[in-house]
Protein backbone atom coordinates (compact mmCIF):
# COMPACT_ATOMS: atom_id res chain seq x y z
CA MET A 1 89.28 154.13 116.59
CA SER A 2 92.90 154.33 115.50
CA PRO A 3 93.85 155.72 112.06
CA PHE A 4 94.66 152.19 110.86
CA ASP A 5 91.35 150.84 112.11
CA GLN A 6 89.62 153.66 110.23
CA GLN A 7 91.44 152.61 107.05
CA VAL A 8 90.23 149.03 107.52
CA ALA A 9 86.66 150.23 108.16
CA ALA A 10 86.73 152.33 104.99
CA ILE A 11 87.64 149.31 102.85
CA ALA A 12 85.82 146.44 104.57
CA ASP A 13 82.44 145.85 102.90
CA GLY A 14 81.58 142.33 104.00
CA VAL A 15 82.72 140.96 100.62
CA LEU A 16 86.50 141.47 100.65
CA SER A 17 88.50 138.90 102.59
CA GLY A 18 91.02 139.84 105.26
CA THR A 19 93.81 138.93 102.84
CA GLN A 20 92.40 141.25 100.17
CA ILE A 21 92.12 144.11 102.68
CA ALA A 22 95.70 143.52 103.80
CA GLU A 23 96.92 143.63 100.20
CA GLN A 24 95.16 146.94 99.58
CA LEU A 25 96.61 148.48 102.74
CA GLY A 26 100.06 146.96 102.25
CA CYS A 27 100.11 145.29 105.67
CA THR A 28 99.94 141.81 107.16
CA ILE A 29 96.74 139.79 107.46
CA ALA A 30 97.43 139.51 111.21
CA ARG A 31 97.22 143.28 111.60
CA VAL A 32 93.89 143.39 109.72
CA LYS A 33 92.47 140.59 111.90
CA LYS A 34 93.41 142.50 115.06
CA ALA A 35 91.67 145.62 113.72
CA LEU A 36 88.53 143.61 112.96
CA ALA A 37 88.65 142.01 116.41
CA ARG A 38 88.86 145.46 118.05
CA ASN A 39 85.91 146.73 116.02
CA PRO A 40 83.16 144.10 115.74
CA HIS A 41 80.88 146.61 113.99
CA ILE A 42 83.10 146.64 110.87
CA PRO A 43 81.52 144.51 108.11
CA ARG A 44 83.35 141.28 107.45
CA ARG A 45 82.94 138.41 105.05
CA ARG A 46 80.84 135.55 106.38
CA VAL A 47 82.60 132.33 107.37
CA GLY A 48 82.13 129.52 104.84
CA PRO A 49 81.28 129.55 101.13
CA PRO A 50 80.19 132.90 99.67
CA PRO A 51 76.45 133.35 99.24
CA GLY A 52 74.45 133.56 96.02
CA ALA A 53 76.04 133.73 92.59
CA ARG A 54 79.58 133.94 94.07
CA ASN A 55 79.20 130.41 95.45
CA PRO A 56 80.52 127.77 93.01
CA SER A 57 77.53 125.59 93.95
CA TRP A 58 75.02 128.33 93.07
CA ARG A 59 72.27 127.02 90.78
CA GLY A 60 70.35 130.17 90.05
CA GLY A 61 68.34 130.05 93.27
CA ARG A 62 66.18 127.23 91.89
CA MET A 63 65.63 123.77 93.31
CA VAL A 64 63.19 120.96 92.58
CA ASP A 65 61.36 119.49 95.56
CA LEU A 66 60.53 115.80 95.99
CA ASP A 67 57.11 116.37 94.37
CA GLY A 68 58.79 117.60 91.18
CA TYR A 69 57.96 121.31 91.54
CA VAL A 70 60.44 124.17 91.24
CA LEU A 71 61.10 126.27 94.33
CA LEU A 72 62.76 129.68 94.25
CA SER A 73 64.97 130.86 97.10
CA THR A 74 63.46 133.96 98.65
CA ARG A 75 64.49 135.11 102.08
CA PRO A 76 63.44 133.94 104.57
CA THR A 77 61.43 131.22 102.77
CA ARG A 78 61.08 129.49 99.42
CA ILE A 79 58.18 129.95 97.02
CA LEU A 80 56.77 127.70 94.30
CA GLU A 81 57.89 129.11 90.97
CA HIS A 82 54.69 128.27 89.07
CA ARG A 83 52.53 130.19 91.52
CA LEU A 84 54.83 133.21 91.43
CA VAL A 85 54.83 133.19 87.61
CA MET A 86 51.03 132.99 87.53
CA GLU A 87 50.69 135.88 89.99
CA ARG A 88 52.88 138.01 87.75
CA LYS A 89 50.85 136.92 84.72
CA LEU A 90 47.56 137.84 86.41
CA GLY A 91 48.91 140.97 88.04
CA ARG A 92 47.54 139.93 91.43
CA LEU A 93 48.11 137.49 94.28
CA LEU A 94 46.56 134.06 93.95
CA LEU A 95 43.70 133.21 96.25
CA PRO A 96 44.40 130.40 98.77
CA GLY A 97 42.09 127.93 97.01
CA GLU A 98 43.27 128.63 93.46
CA VAL A 99 45.35 125.92 91.76
CA VAL A 100 47.94 126.51 89.05
CA ASP A 101 48.14 123.72 86.46
CA HIS A 102 50.87 122.87 83.93
CA ILE A 103 49.18 122.44 80.54
CA ASP A 104 51.81 120.04 79.17
CA GLY A 105 52.08 118.14 82.46
CA LEU A 106 55.73 119.11 82.93
CA THR A 107 55.90 120.41 86.50
CA VAL A 108 59.26 122.13 86.00
CA HIS A 109 58.07 123.96 82.85
CA ASN A 110 56.86 127.25 84.29
CA ASP A 111 56.64 129.40 81.19
CA PRO A 112 53.55 131.67 81.56
CA ALA A 113 52.06 130.20 78.35
CA ASN A 114 52.22 126.73 79.92
CA LEU A 115 50.27 127.67 83.04
CA ARG A 116 46.55 128.04 83.72
CA VAL A 117 44.66 128.69 86.92
CA PHE A 118 41.62 126.89 88.35
CA ALA A 119 39.36 128.36 90.99
CA SER A 120 39.56 125.21 93.14
CA ASN A 121 41.25 121.83 93.33
CA SER A 122 37.98 120.07 92.47
CA GLU A 123 37.79 122.02 89.19
CA HIS A 124 41.43 121.24 88.53
CA LEU A 125 40.97 117.50 89.08
CA ALA A 126 37.76 117.40 87.03
CA SER A 127 39.62 118.93 84.08
CA THR A 128 42.91 117.05 84.31
CA ILE A 129 42.10 113.47 85.38
CA ALA A 130 38.49 112.98 84.25
CA CYS A 131 39.40 110.87 81.20
CA LYS A 132 42.59 109.27 82.50
CA ALA A 133 42.76 105.66 83.61
CA LYS A 134 43.76 105.25 87.24
CA GLN A 135 47.00 103.43 87.96
CA ILE A 136 46.30 101.05 90.83
CA SER A 137 48.81 98.60 92.30
CA GLN A 138 47.95 94.94 92.79
CA VAL A 139 47.70 95.52 96.54
CA GLY A 140 45.39 98.44 95.88
CA LYS A 141 43.17 96.29 93.67
CA ARG A 142 42.98 93.62 96.38
CA ASN A 143 42.05 96.32 98.87
CA ILE A 144 39.20 97.50 96.64
CA ILE A 145 37.88 93.96 96.24
CA ALA A 146 38.15 93.35 99.97
CA GLN A 147 36.26 96.55 100.76
CA LYS A 148 33.49 95.61 98.35
CA LYS A 149 33.18 92.24 100.07
CA ASN A 150 33.38 93.87 103.51
CA LEU A 151 36.49 91.87 104.34
CA VAL A 152 38.72 92.98 107.22
CA GLY A 153 42.09 92.10 108.66
CA PRO A 154 45.43 91.57 106.92
CA VAL A 155 43.80 91.56 103.47
CA LEU A 156 43.58 95.36 103.66
CA ALA A 157 47.32 95.97 103.50
CA PRO A 158 48.22 99.69 103.30
CA VAL A 159 49.77 100.86 100.04
CA ASP A 160 51.02 104.26 98.89
CA THR A 161 53.08 103.96 95.72
CA TYR A 162 53.38 107.73 95.34
CA ARG A 163 54.94 108.06 98.79
CA LEU A 164 57.41 105.28 97.98
CA ARG A 165 58.38 106.96 94.70
CA LYS A 166 58.68 110.33 96.37
CA GLU A 167 60.91 109.00 99.16
CA ARG A 168 63.18 107.35 96.57
CA GLY A 169 63.46 110.66 94.72
CA ASP A 170 61.81 109.12 91.66
CA VAL A 171 59.02 111.71 91.43
CA ARG A 172 61.57 114.50 91.15
CA LEU A 173 63.68 112.46 88.74
CA HIS A 174 60.56 111.76 86.63
CA ALA A 175 59.82 115.50 86.34
CA ILE A 176 63.37 116.41 85.33
CA LEU A 177 63.90 113.49 82.94
CA ARG A 178 60.60 113.99 81.14
CA ALA A 179 61.28 117.71 80.63
CA ALA A 180 64.82 116.98 79.43
CA LEU A 181 63.58 114.45 76.88
CA GLU A 182 60.63 116.51 75.64
CA LEU A 183 62.12 120.02 75.73
CA GLY A 184 65.86 119.39 75.57
CA ILE A 185 68.39 119.58 78.39
CA GLY A 186 69.29 123.15 77.43
CA HIS A 187 65.77 124.46 77.99
CA PRO A 188 65.62 127.36 80.52
CA CYS A 189 63.16 125.46 82.72
CA LEU A 190 65.93 122.97 83.55
CA LEU A 191 68.30 125.61 84.93
CA GLY A 192 69.86 124.32 88.13
CA THR A 193 68.42 120.79 87.84
CA THR A 194 71.07 118.71 86.09
CA HIS A 195 73.00 117.94 89.28
CA TRP A 196 70.12 115.64 90.33
CA LEU A 197 70.67 113.69 87.12
CA GLU A 198 74.42 113.55 87.74
CA GLN A 199 73.84 112.35 91.31
CA SER A 200 71.84 109.45 89.85
CA GLY A 201 74.69 108.53 87.50
CA ILE A 202 72.97 110.05 84.44
CA ASP A 203 74.91 112.05 81.87
CA PRO A 204 72.64 115.06 81.16
CA THR A 205 74.51 115.83 77.93
CA SER A 206 73.80 112.39 76.46
CA ARG A 207 70.32 111.64 75.12
CA PRO A 208 70.94 107.86 75.16
CA SER A 209 71.84 108.19 78.85
CA LEU A 210 68.61 110.11 79.48
CA GLU A 211 66.58 107.54 77.57
CA ARG A 212 68.13 104.63 79.48
CA ALA A 213 67.43 106.38 82.77
CA TRP A 214 63.81 106.96 81.72
CA ALA A 215 63.40 103.28 80.80
CA ASP A 216 64.86 102.25 84.18
CA LEU A 217 62.49 104.64 85.96
CA MET A 218 59.46 103.26 84.10
CA ARG A 219 60.49 99.72 85.08
CA ARG A 220 60.57 100.79 88.73
CA TYR A 221 57.13 102.35 88.34
CA ASP A 222 55.79 99.12 86.79
CA ALA A 223 57.31 97.12 89.64
CA ASP A 224 55.50 99.38 92.14
CA LEU A 225 52.17 98.63 90.45
CA ALA A 226 52.92 94.90 90.40
CA ARG A 227 53.29 94.75 94.19
């Protein structure tokens, strides 16, 4: 390796750009590029936007999936934030069958005090939906009646309102909007989520805008049930 190449290798750390290296060495960018080409083992900055917090699109490593739950970026996979928080709270790994529940029903609100764990999904459902009225669409009601009468054929039309809402992005929007209205848009649990509101034409800094969006969402939900 030539003396110049050694100078480049001593500075290059995979973060500095070729231009920055050239400025430090007082040479042209072309000369730095040739040195890097001759020595592929020298660290160089990745092509494209910088990773992590140096990327202008960085949102704290948090995202909300279509089911309205927060995922954290961990290499090489993503992990559900509420399960990670509960594991830290318990000081142990969760068992495969254990279910973490949000006490206030806000699926993006993963403060340890808002989480509780159930030994199984059956225990979770028994505790959380036992006294709640089921929301059934008109098609669903017709299906139930048809099943009771042992009817078959086109009467039993398939219906899955949750899937429709999820595919539209409404389940995620519901989770973010509800948390914003109940906890305030500046709450830490909403870190990295406001761009989904902006993409839907909602001003996250305006409560009237949030309230209008919530009313529109509820009308869509009612329309789903009226099918």
